[in-house]
Amino acid sequence: MILHEPVLPVETIEQLAPAGRELMVDCTVGTGGHTEALFHAGATRVLGFDRDAEALSLARERLSPWLGRLELVHADYREFGQALDERGIDRIDGALADLGHSTVQLETDGRGFSFRLDAPLDMRMDRSQGQTLSEMLDEVTPEALADVIYEYGEERHSRRIARRIIWARDAGELTTTTQLANVVRRSIRYRGRTRIDPATRTFQALRIWVNRELDGLDVFLRSLASRLAAGARMVIISFHSLEDRIVKHTLRELEQGGGVALRVLTRRPVRPHPDEVSRNPRARSARLRAAERLA
């Protein structure tokens, strides 16, 4: 069984202080790493969400010692409010959202998230719905694709990459992640060895595009803050600057009078210690921000 190692677990628990709290919500439970840490730290009950059914299946196995105090819901984290309403829950005692992708998604054949594994162009977090990357690429124009790669990947070679992707698509030479990665690499002129693969930014952009990862993030954060009980805290872990910027500005606006009495606990994002990065390279770009409901 592939188990995703949670990012910033110690820092997350320090901020959430779950011991003795009645109901914690893990909005992105994945394979259960953070939820497991919550239970070990004394959480009473956890309600967990994820739109990846395969990850939830692994989480259920990992969290079997606590199944009597745990409920797992197959849903997007942005649907948490509806789920709380359906259960008659008004306030929660803490919440966590890890906005990154798990090892299961990145290293499972057939998902299409990684340029290191040859797979069909899918990239959907929830494979039960929505268009695949291949289907979306079939419909997109070069100009619109360049905008996606530039905005979501912050890739300065976006127009050249987009043109070459469309050329490969029209030639029938774009059906797998390996083909896509090679098209991107050939589009970028780089010298010598580089620490980050040239396809990284484009793959990030396309993943965000397929899964609409930034859509409604600010609305979700406001809704999450409004559900916190007095004294409860929320922790958000992001992995790229676009997400972190939205989290930072939304929490700041709420603190400055956005309808919820909120105090930001992290003036600067908490970053992983080098020891964690060496043990878990995925943590390299993680940024943690936290806030507390005052009343």
C-alpha atoms as a PDB file:
ATOM      1  CA  MET A   1       0.000   0.000   0.000  1.00  0.00           C
ATOM      2  CA  ILE A   2       1.360   3.421  -1.021  1.00  0.00           C
ATOM      3  CA  LEU A   3       1.020   5.850   1.868  1.00  0.00           C
ATOM      4  CA  HIS A   4       1.398   9.572   1.405  1.00  0.00           C
ATOM      5  CA  GLU A   5       3.697  11.178   3.975  1.00  0.00           C
ATOM      6  CA  PRO A   6       1.993  14.308   5.320  1.00  0.00           C
ATOM      7  CA  VAL A   7       3.759  17.617   4.859  1.00  0.00           C
ATOM      8  CA  LEU A   8       4.567  19.813   7.885  1.00  0.00           C
ATOM      9  CA  PRO A   9       2.840  17.407  10.321  1.00  0.00           C
ATOM     10  CA  VAL A  10       4.460  18.780  13.480  1.00  0.00           C
ATOM     11  CA  GLU A  11       3.757  22.387  12.546  1.00  0.00           C
ATOM     12  CA  THR A  12       0.172  21.519  11.610  1.00  0.00           C
ATOM     13  CA  ILE A  13      -0.515  19.927  14.989  1.00  0.00           C
ATOM     14  CA  GLU A  14       1.156  22.822  16.818  1.00  0.00           C
ATOM     15  CA  GLN A  15      -1.180  25.275  15.115  1.00  0.00           C
ATOM     16  CA  LEU A  16      -4.395  23.244  15.375  1.00  0.00           C
ATOM     17  CA  ALA A  17      -3.858  22.014  18.968  1.00  0.00           C
ATOM     18  CA  PRO A  18      -6.469  19.249  18.512  1.00  0.00           C
ATOM     19  CA  ALA A  19      -6.240  17.650  21.976  1.00  0.00           C
ATOM     20  CA  GLY A  20      -9.695  17.501  23.527  1.00  0.00           C
ATOM     21  CA  ARG A  21     -11.421  19.269  20.647  1.00  0.00           C
ATOM     22  CA  GLU A  22     -14.754  17.711  19.744  1.00  0.00           C
ATOM     23  CA  LEU A  23     -14.848  17.877  15.922  1.00  0.00           C
ATOM     24  CA  MET A  24     -11.955  18.502  13.558  1.00  0.00           C
ATOM     25  CA  VAL A  25     -12.388  18.676   9.786  1.00  0.00           C
ATOM     26  CA  ASP A  26      -9.735  17.493   7.332  1.00  0.00           C
ATOM     27  CA  CYS A  27     -10.919  19.009   4.064  1.00  0.00           C
ATOM     28  CA  THR A  28      -8.344  17.122   1.979  1.00  0.00           C
ATOM     29  CA  VAL A  29      -7.829  13.832   3.778  1.00  0.00           C
ATOM     30  CA  GLY A  30      -5.943  12.084   0.948  1.00  0.00           C
ATOM     31  CA  THR A  31      -4.536   8.826   2.302  1.00  0.00           C
ATOM     32  CA  GLY A  32      -4.999  10.003   5.878  1.00  0.00           C
ATOM     33  CA  GLY A  33      -1.579  11.202   7.005  1.00  0.00           C
ATOM     34  CA  HIS A  34      -2.698  14.448   8.625  1.00  0.00           C
ATOM     35  CA  THR A  35      -5.857  12.831  10.014  1.00  0.00           C
ATOM     36  CA  GLU A  36      -3.748  10.134  11.643  1.00  0.00           C
ATOM     37  CA  ALA A  37      -1.605  12.859  13.218  1.00  0.00           C
ATOM     38  CA  LEU A  38      -4.749  14.576  14.529  1.00  0.00           C
ATOM     39  CA  PHE A  39      -5.897  11.399  16.279  1.00  0.00           C
ATOM     40  CA  HIS A  40      -2.453  10.745  17.737  1.00  0.00           C
ATOM     41  CA  ALA A  41      -2.513  14.313  19.089  1.00  0.00           C
ATOM     42  CA  GLY A  42      -5.815  13.768  20.897  1.00  0.00           C
ATOM     43  CA  ALA A  43      -8.575  14.774  18.469  1.00  0.00           C
ATOM     44  CA  THR A  44     -11.948  13.363  19.524  1.00  0.00           C
ATOM     45  CA  ARG A  45     -13.683  13.115  16.127  1.00  0.00           C
ATOM     46  CA  VAL A  46     -12.629  13.882  12.557  1.00  0.00           C
ATOM     47  CA  LEU A  47     -14.759  14.484   9.488  1.00  0.00           C
ATOM     48  CA  GLY A  48     -12.638  13.991   6.362  1.00  0.00           C
ATOM     49  CA  PHE A  49     -13.236  14.942   2.722  1.00  0.00           C
ATOM     50  CA  ASP A  50     -11.533  14.041  -0.532  1.00  0.00           C
ATOM     51  CA  ARG A  51     -12.658  13.871  -4.146  1.00  0.00           C
ATOM     52  CA  ASP A  52     -10.233  11.041  -4.914  1.00  0.00           C
ATOM     53  CA  ALA A  53     -12.060   7.782  -4.177  1.00  0.00           C
ATOM     54  CA  GLU A  54      -8.876   5.714  -4.455  1.00  0.00           C
ATOM     55  CA  ALA A  55      -7.107   7.845  -1.856  1.00  0.00           C
ATOM     56  CA  LEU A  56     -10.099   7.572   0.489  1.00  0.00           C
ATOM     57  CA  SER A  57      -9.984   3.792   0.238  1.00  0.00           C
ATOM     58  CA  LEU A  58      -6.356   3.845   1.379  1.00  0.00           C
ATOM     59  CA  ALA A  59      -7.215   6.338   4.132  1.00  0.00           C
ATOM     60  CA  ARG A  60      -9.945   4.075   5.467  1.00  0.00           C
ATOM     61  CA  GLU A  61      -7.429   1.239   5.790  1.00  0.00           C
ATOM     62  CA  ARG A  62      -4.766   3.459   7.349  1.00  0.00           C
ATOM     63  CA  LEU A  63      -7.213   4.962   9.844  1.00  0.00           C
ATOM     64  CA  SER A  64      -8.920   1.702  10.808  1.00  0.00           C
ATOM     65  CA  PRO A  65      -8.046   2.082  14.540  1.00  0.00           C
ATOM     66  CA  TRP A  66     -10.235   5.211  14.677  1.00  0.00           C
ATOM     67  CA  LEU A  67     -13.145   4.316  12.379  1.00  0.00           C
ATOM     68  CA  GLY A  68     -15.605   4.715  15.245  1.00  0.00           C
ATOM     69  CA  ARG A  69     -14.574   8.366  15.570  1.00  0.00           C
ATOM     70  CA  LEU A  70     -14.110   9.102  11.882  1.00  0.00           C
ATOM     71  CA  GLU A  71     -16.368   9.816   8.925  1.00  0.00           C
ATOM     72  CA  LEU A  72     -14.940   9.969   5.403  1.00  0.00           C
ATOM     73  CA  VAL A  73     -16.856  11.745   2.645  1.00  0.00           C
ATOM     74  CA  HIS A  74     -16.195  11.441  -1.099  1.00  0.00           C
ATOM     75  CA  ALA A  75     -16.550  15.108  -2.022  1.00  0.00           C
ATOM     76  CA  ASP A  76     -14.554  18.135  -3.094  1.00  0.00           C
ATOM     77  CA  TYR A  77     -13.307  20.213  -0.166  1.00  0.00           C
ATOM     78  CA  ARG A  78     -15.346  23.152  -1.448  1.00  0.00           C
ATOM     79  CA  GLU A  79     -18.503  21.124  -0.712  1.00  0.00           C
ATOM     80  CA  PHE A  80     -17.742  20.798   3.005  1.00  0.00           C
ATOM     81  CA  GLY A  81     -20.376  23.362   4.009  1.00  0.00           C
ATOM     82  CA  GLN A  82     -23.178  21.404   2.373  1.00  0.00           C
ATOM     83  CA  ALA A  83     -21.979  18.233   4.102  1.00  0.00           C
ATOM     84  CA  LEU A  84     -21.992  19.991   7.487  1.00  0.00           C
ATOM     85  CA  ASP A  85     -25.529  21.253   6.868  1.00  0.00           C
ATOM     86  CA  GLU A  86     -26.713  17.754   5.943  1.00  0.00           C
ATOM     87  CA  ARG A  87     -25.364  16.513   9.277  1.00  0.00           C
ATOM     88  CA  GLY A  88     -26.828  19.368  11.300  1.00  0.00           C
ATOM     89  CA  ILE A  89     -23.376  20.694  12.200  1.00  0.00           C
ATOM     90  CA  ASP A  90     -23.125  24.450  12.686  1.00  0.00           C
ATOM     91  CA  ARG A  91     -19.632  24.920  14.149  1.00  0.00           C
ATOM     92  CA  ILE A  92     -16.390  22.954  14.016  1.00  0.00           C
ATOM     93  CA  ASP A  93     -13.406  22.978  16.379  1.00  0.00           C
ATOM     94  CA  GLY A  94     -10.625  23.127  13.821  1.00  0.00           C
ATOM     95  CA  ALA A  95      -9.962  22.583  10.128  1.00  0.00           C
ATOM     96  CA  LEU A  96      -7.122  21.646   7.807  1.00  0.00           C
ATOM     97  CA  ALA A  97      -6.745  21.852   4.032  1.00  0.00           C
ATOM     98  CA  ASP A  98      -3.637  20.520   2.270  1.00  0.00           C
ATOM     99  CA  LEU A  99      -4.026  21.816  -1.280  1.00  0.00           C
ATOM    100  CA  GLY A 100      -1.294  19.640  -2.781  1.00  0.00           C
ATOM    101  CA  HIS A 101      -1.413  16.280  -4.519  1.00  0.00           C
ATOM    102  CA  SER A 102      -0.618  13.044  -2.741  1.00  0.00           C
ATOM    103  CA  THR A 103       2.018  10.474  -3.574  1.00  0.00           C
ATOM    104  CA  VAL A 104      -0.800   8.143  -4.618  1.00  0.00           C
ATOM    105  CA  GLN A 105      -1.906  10.557  -7.322  1.00  0.00           C
ATOM    106  CA  LEU A 106       1.610  11.439  -8.462  1.00  0.00           C
ATOM    107  CA  GLU A 107       3.017   7.917  -8.511  1.00  0.00           C
ATOM    108  CA  THR A 108       0.054   5.793  -9.606  1.00  0.00           C
ATOM    109  CA  ASP A 109       0.106   4.528 -13.177  1.00  0.00           C
ATOM    110  CA  GLY A 110      -2.714   5.807 -15.328  1.00  0.00           C
ATOM    111  CA  ARG A 111      -3.444   9.050 -13.517  1.00  0.00           C
ATOM    112  CA  GLY A 112      -1.343  11.278 -15.766  1.00  0.00           C
ATOM    113  CA  PHE A 113      -0.103  13.697 -13.106  1.00  0.00           C
ATOM    114  CA  SER A 114       3.595  12.919 -13.420  1.00  0.00           C
ATOM    115  CA  PHE A 115       5.937  13.389 -16.356  1.00  0.00           C
ATOM    116  CA  ARG A 116       8.087  10.622 -14.851  1.00  0.00           C
ATOM    117  CA  LEU A 117       5.449   7.956 -15.541  1.00  0.00           C
ATOM    118  CA  ASP A 118       4.077   7.228 -18.994  1.00  0.00           C
ATOM    119  CA  ALA A 119       0.293   7.423 -18.817  1.00  0.00           C
ATOM    120  CA  PRO A 120      -2.723   8.675 -20.759  1.00  0.00           C
ATOM    121  CA  LEU A 121      -3.441  12.406 -20.531  1.00  0.00           C
ATOM    122  CA  ASP A 122      -6.020  12.309 -17.740  1.00  0.00           C
ATOM    123  CA  MET A 123      -4.957  14.384 -14.685  1.00  0.00           C
ATOM    124  CA  ARG A 124      -8.406  14.330 -13.042  1.00  0.00           C
ATOM    125  CA  MET A 125      -8.348  14.076  -9.258  1.00  0.00           C
ATOM    126  CA  ASP A 126     -11.870  12.630  -9.383  1.00  0.00           C
ATOM    127  CA  ARG A 127     -11.935  10.186 -12.272  1.00  0.00           C
ATOM    128  CA  SER A 128     -15.685   9.719 -11.962  1.00  0.00           C
ATOM    129  CA  GLN A 129     -16.460  13.099 -13.511  1.00  0.00           C
ATOM    130  CA  GLY A 130     -15.157  15.949 -15.638  1.00  0.00           C
ATOM    131  CA  GLN A 131     -13.095  16.103 -18.813  1.00  0.00           C
ATOM    132  CA  THR A 132      -9.673  14.536 -19.119  1.00  0.00           C
ATOM    133  CA  LEU A 133      -6.668  16.632 -20.097  1.00  0.00           C
ATOM    134  CA  SER A 134      -6.723  14.989 -23.518  1.00  0.00           C
ATOM    135  CA  GLU A 135     -10.339  16.035 -24.063  1.00  0.00           C
ATOM    136  CA  MET A 136      -9.637  19.599 -22.943  1.00  0.00           C
ATOM    137  CA  LEU A 137      -6.575  19.874 -25.180  1.00  0.00           C
ATOM    138  CA  ASP A 138      -8.685  18.745 -28.142  1.00  0.00           C
ATOM    139  CA  GLU A 139     -10.893  21.815 -27.713  1.00  0.00           C
ATOM    140  CA  VAL A 140      -8.456  24.566 -26.702  1.00  0.00           C
ATOM    141  CA  THR A 141      -6.912  27.241 -28.925  1.00  0.00           C
ATOM    142  CA  PRO A 142      -3.175  28.011 -28.851  1.00  0.00           C
ATOM    143  CA  GLU A 143      -3.881  31.437 -27.350  1.00  0.00           C
ATOM    144  CA  ALA A 144      -6.082  30.097 -24.553  1.00  0.00           C
ATOM    145  CA  LEU A 145      -3.607  27.319 -23.775  1.00  0.00           C
ATOM    146  CA  ALA A 146      -0.744  29.817 -23.582  1.00  0.00           C
ATOM    147  CA  ASP A 147      -2.773  31.845 -21.080  1.00  0.00           C
ATOM    148  CA  VAL A 148      -3.345  28.725 -18.954  1.00  0.00           C
ATOM    149  CA  ILE A 149       0.350  27.830 -18.919  1.00  0.00           C
ATOM    150  CA  TYR A 150       1.404  31.400 -18.142  1.00  0.00           C
ATOM    151  CA  GLU A 151      -1.205  32.116 -15.462  1.00  0.00           C
ATOM    152  CA  TYR A 152      -1.204  28.783 -13.631  1.00  0.00           C
ATOM    153  CA  GLY A 153       2.393  27.742 -14.247  1.00  0.00           C
ATOM    154  CA  GLU A 154       4.056  31.167 -14.285  1.00  0.00           C
ATOM    155  CA  GLU A 155       5.955  29.854 -17.306  1.00  0.00           C
ATOM    156  CA  ARG A 156       7.582  32.598 -19.371  1.00  0.00           C
ATOM    157  CA  HIS A 157       7.870  30.346 -22.435  1.00  0.00           C
ATOM    158  CA  SER A 158       4.117  29.705 -22.425  1.00  0.00           C
ATOM    159  CA  ARG A 159       3.351  30.808 -25.991  1.00  0.00           C
ATOM    160  CA  ARG A 160       6.088  28.708 -27.549  1.00  0.00           C
ATOM    161  CA  ILE A 161       5.084  25.692 -25.452  1.00  0.00           C
ATOM    162  CA  ALA A 162       1.400  26.115 -26.308  1.00  0.00           C
ATOM    163  CA  ARG A 163       2.101  26.317 -30.046  1.00  0.00           C
ATOM    164  CA  ARG A 164       4.167  23.137 -29.976  1.00  0.00           C
ATOM    165  CA  ILE A 165       1.568  21.286 -27.906  1.00  0.00           C
ATOM    166  CA  ILE A 166      -1.103  22.186 -30.461  1.00  0.00           C
ATOM    167  CA  TRP A 167       1.176  21.139 -33.349  1.00  0.00           C
ATOM    168  CA  ALA A 168       1.759  17.770 -31.679  1.00  0.00           C
ATOM    169  CA  ARG A 169      -1.961  17.393 -31.009  1.00  0.00           C
ATOM    170  CA  ASP A 170      -2.889  18.133 -34.622  1.00  0.00           C
ATOM    171  CA  ALA A 171      -0.238  15.677 -35.841  1.00  0.00           C
ATOM    172  CA  GLY A 172      -1.677  12.920 -33.644  1.00  0.00           C
ATOM    173  CA  GLU A 173       1.510  12.787 -31.581  1.00  0.00           C
ATOM    174  CA  LEU A 174       0.102  13.760 -28.185  1.00  0.00           C
ATOM    175  CA  THR A 175      -1.574  10.930 -26.299  1.00  0.00           C
ATOM    176  CA  THR A 176       0.690  10.270 -23.285  1.00  0.00           C
ATOM    177  CA  THR A 177       2.454  12.174 -20.529  1.00  0.00           C
ATOM    178  CA  THR A 178       5.854  11.198 -21.913  1.00  0.00           C
ATOM    179  CA  GLN A 179       5.009  12.700 -25.290  1.00  0.00           C
ATOM    180  CA  LEU A 180       3.689  15.855 -23.621  1.00  0.00           C
ATOM    181  CA  ALA A 181       6.762  16.242 -21.422  1.00  0.00           C
ATOM    182  CA  ASN A 182       9.087  15.825 -24.385  1.00  0.00           C
ATOM    183  CA  VAL A 183       7.182  18.452 -26.375  1.00  0.00           C
ATOM    184  CA  VAL A 184       7.565  20.894 -23.488  1.00  0.00           C
ATOM    185  CA  ARG A 185      11.262  20.131 -23.028  1.00  0.00           C
ATOM    186  CA  ARG A 186      11.952  20.664 -26.722  1.00  0.00           C
ATOM    187  CA  SER A 187      10.159  24.014 -26.519  1.00  0.00           C
ATOM    188  CA  ILE A 188      12.460  25.435 -23.848  1.00  0.00           C
ATOM    189  CA  ARG A 189      16.080  26.318 -24.425  1.00  0.00           C
ATOM    190  CA  TYR A 190      18.035  25.509 -21.298  1.00  0.00           C
ATOM    191  CA  ARG A 191      21.708  24.890 -20.768  1.00  0.00           C
ATOM    192  CA  GLY A 192      23.341  22.171 -18.758  1.00  0.00           C
ATOM    193  CA  ARG A 193      21.721  20.440 -15.832  1.00  0.00           C
ATOM    194  CA  THR A 194      18.766  21.958 -14.031  1.00  0.00           C
ATOM    195  CA  ARG A 195      17.388  21.044 -10.613  1.00  0.00           C
ATOM    196  CA  ILE A 196      13.785  21.241 -11.800  1.00  0.00           C
ATOM    197  CA  ASP A 197      12.593  19.467 -14.939  1.00  0.00           C
ATOM    198  CA  PRO A 198      11.582  21.990 -17.650  1.00  0.00           C
ATOM    199  CA  ALA A 199       8.163  20.293 -17.886  1.00  0.00           C
ATOM    200  CA  THR A 200       7.335  20.957 -14.221  1.00  0.00           C
ATOM    201  CA  ARG A 201       5.613  24.330 -14.582  1.00  0.00           C
ATOM    202  CA  THR A 202       3.543  23.265 -17.574  1.00  0.00           C
ATOM    203  CA  PHE A 203       2.364  20.071 -15.880  1.00  0.00           C
ATOM    204  CA  GLN A 204       1.413  22.115 -12.799  1.00  0.00           C
ATOM    205  CA  ALA A 205      -0.557  24.548 -14.948  1.00  0.00           C
ATOM    206  CA  LEU A 206      -2.416  21.816 -16.810  1.00  0.00           C
ATOM    207  CA  ARG A 207      -3.261  19.991 -13.569  1.00  0.00           C
ATOM    208  CA  ILE A 208      -4.703  23.179 -12.057  1.00  0.00           C
ATOM    209  CA  TRP A 209      -6.658  23.800 -15.267  1.00  0.00           C
ATOM    210  CA  VAL A 210      -8.151  20.301 -15.461  1.00  0.00           C
ATOM    211  CA  ASN A 211      -9.183  20.245 -11.795  1.00  0.00           C
ATOM    212  CA  ARG A 212     -10.154  23.936 -11.525  1.00  0.00           C
ATOM    213  CA  GLU A 213      -8.045  24.048  -8.389  1.00  0.00           C
ATOM    214  CA  LEU A 214      -8.139  27.813  -7.879  1.00  0.00           C
ATOM    215  CA  ASP A 215     -11.837  28.243  -8.619  1.00  0.00           C
ATOM    216  CA  GLY A 216     -13.644  29.311  -5.489  1.00  0.00           C
ATOM    217  CA  LEU A 217     -10.616  28.999  -3.188  1.00  0.00           C
ATOM    218  CA  ASP A 218     -11.249  32.398  -1.618  1.00  0.00           C
ATOM    219  CA  VAL A 219     -14.947  31.589  -1.160  1.00  0.00           C
ATOM    220  CA  PHE A 220     -13.998  28.276   0.459  1.00  0.00           C
ATOM    221  CA  LEU A 221     -11.636  30.007   2.907  1.00  0.00           C
ATOM    222  CA  ARG A 222     -14.308  32.507   3.931  1.00  0.00           C
ATOM    223  CA  SER A 223     -16.849  29.734   4.389  1.00  0.00           C
ATOM    224  CA  LEU A 224     -14.384  27.680   6.424  1.00  0.00           C
ATOM    225  CA  ALA A 225     -13.628  30.622   8.712  1.00  0.00           C
ATOM    226  CA  SER A 226     -17.340  31.244   9.237  1.00  0.00           C
ATOM    227  CA  ARG A 227     -17.810  27.667  10.468  1.00  0.00           C
ATOM    228  CA  LEU A 228     -15.114  27.792  13.126  1.00  0.00           C
ATOM    229  CA  ALA A 229     -16.189  27.925  16.756  1.00  0.00           C
ATOM    230  CA  ALA A 230     -14.672  30.650  18.932  1.00  0.00           C
ATOM    231  CA  GLY A 231     -11.051  29.721  19.629  1.00  0.00           C
ATOM    232  CA  ALA A 232     -10.921  27.178  16.810  1.00  0.00           C
ATOM    233  CA  ARG A 233      -8.149  27.333  14.236  1.00  0.00           C
ATOM    234  CA  MET A 234      -7.720  26.643  10.539  1.00  0.00           C
ATOM    235  CA  VAL A 235      -4.523  25.567   8.757  1.00  0.00           C
ATOM    236  CA  ILE A 236      -4.035  25.853   5.005  1.00  0.00           C
ATOM    237  CA  ILE A 237      -1.049  24.273   3.239  1.00  0.00           C
ATOM    238  CA  SER A 238      -0.361  25.408  -0.322  1.00  0.00           C
ATOM    239  CA  PHE A 239       2.340  24.443  -2.787  1.00  0.00           C
ATOM    240  CA  HIS A 240       2.662  27.230  -5.308  1.00  0.00           C
ATOM    241  CA  SER A 241       2.613  30.996  -5.246  1.00  0.00           C
ATOM    242  CA  LEU A 242      -0.822  31.418  -6.853  1.00  0.00           C
ATOM    243  CA  GLU A 243      -2.547  29.428  -4.110  1.00  0.00           C
ATOM    244  CA  ASP A 244      -0.481  30.999  -1.349  1.00  0.00           C
ATOM    245  CA  ARG A 245      -1.277  34.481  -2.620  1.00  0.00           C
ATOM    246  CA  ILE A 246      -5.016  33.774  -2.483  1.00  0.00           C
ATOM    247  CA  VAL A 247      -4.726  32.272   1.012  1.00  0.00           C
ATOM    248  CA  LYS A 248      -2.612  35.169   2.282  1.00  0.00           C
ATOM    249  CA  HIS A 249      -4.875  37.925   0.962  1.00  0.00           C
ATOM    250  CA  THR A 250      -8.130  36.228   1.957  1.00  0.00           C
ATOM    251  CA  LEU A 251      -7.002  35.638   5.545  1.00  0.00           C
ATOM    252  CA  ARG A 252      -5.728  39.207   5.753  1.00  0.00           C
ATOM    253  CA  GLU A 253      -9.036  40.600   4.479  1.00  0.00           C
ATOM    254  CA  LEU A 254     -10.954  38.526   7.019  1.00  0.00           C
ATOM    255  CA  GLU A 255      -8.689  39.753   9.818  1.00  0.00           C
ATOM    256  CA  GLN A 256      -9.223  43.360   8.780  1.00  0.00           C
ATOM    257  CA  GLY A 257     -12.995  43.158   8.976  1.00  0.00           C
ATOM    258  CA  GLY A 258     -14.258  40.652   6.469  1.00  0.00           C
ATOM    259  CA  GLY A 259     -17.322  39.612   8.443  1.00  0.00           C
ATOM    260  CA  VAL A 260     -15.579  37.036  10.667  1.00  0.00           C
ATOM    261  CA  ALA A 261     -13.535  37.884  13.766  1.00  0.00           C
ATOM    262  CA  LEU A 262     -10.296  36.224  12.727  1.00  0.00           C
ATOM    263  CA  ARG A 263      -6.672  36.531  13.842  1.00  0.00           C
ATOM    264  CA  VAL A 264      -3.892  35.460  11.494  1.00  0.00           C
ATOM    265  CA  LEU A 265      -1.334  33.376  13.404  1.00  0.00           C
ATOM    266  CA  THR A 266       1.360  33.245  10.712  1.00  0.00           C
ATOM    267  CA  ARG A 267       2.597  36.624   9.491  1.00  0.00           C
ATOM    268  CA  ARG A 268       4.921  34.747   7.187  1.00  0.00           C
ATOM    269  CA  PRO A 269       4.235  31.277   5.828  1.00  0.00           C
ATOM    270  CA  VAL A 270       5.716  28.397   7.787  1.00  0.00           C
ATOM    271  CA  ARG A 271       8.177  26.478   5.602  1.00  0.00           C
ATOM    272  CA  PRO A 272       9.473  22.928   6.124  1.00  0.00           C
ATOM    273  CA  HIS A 273      12.771  22.303   7.876  1.00  0.00           C
ATOM    274  CA  PRO A 274      15.602  21.117   5.581  1.00  0.00           C
ATOM    275  CA  ASP A 275      15.529  17.751   7.354  1.00  0.00           C
ATOM    276  CA  GLU A 276      11.922  17.249   6.272  1.00  0.00           C
ATOM    277  CA  VAL A 277      12.702  18.261   2.696  1.00  0.00           C
ATOM    278  CA  SER A 278      15.575  15.767   2.517  1.00  0.00           C
ATOM    279  CA  ARG A 279      13.258  13.049   3.834  1.00  0.00           C
ATOM    280  CA  ASN A 280      10.242  14.111   1.773  1.00  0.00           C
ATOM    281  CA  PRO A 281      11.206  16.187  -1.299  1.00  0.00           C
ATOM    282  CA  ARG A 282       7.527  16.908  -1.984  1.00  0.00           C
ATOM    283  CA  ALA A 283       7.599  19.248   1.020  1.00  0.00           C
ATOM    284  CA  ARG A 284      10.104  21.585  -0.660  1.00  0.00           C
ATOM    285  CA  SER A 285       7.548  24.131  -1.873  1.00  0.00           C
ATOM    286  CA  ALA A 286       5.012  23.794   0.964  1.00  0.00           C
ATOM    287  CA  ARG A 287       3.751  26.913   2.726  1.00  0.00           C
ATOM    288  CA  LEU A 288       1.563  26.774   5.834  1.00  0.00           C
ATOM    289  CA  ARG A 289      -0.684  29.597   6.997  1.00  0.00           C
ATOM    290  CA  ALA A 290      -2.947  29.520  10.050  1.00  0.00           C
ATOM    291  CA  ALA A 291      -5.677  31.644  11.605  1.00  0.00           C
ATOM    292  CA  GLU A 292      -7.870  31.574  14.726  1.00  0.00           C
ATOM    293  CA  ARG A 293     -11.541  32.481  15.129  1.00  0.00           C
ATOM    294  CA  LEU A 294     -11.859  35.017  17.944  1.00  0.00           C
ATOM    295  CA  ALA A 295     -15.608  35.104  18.506  1.00  0.00           C
END
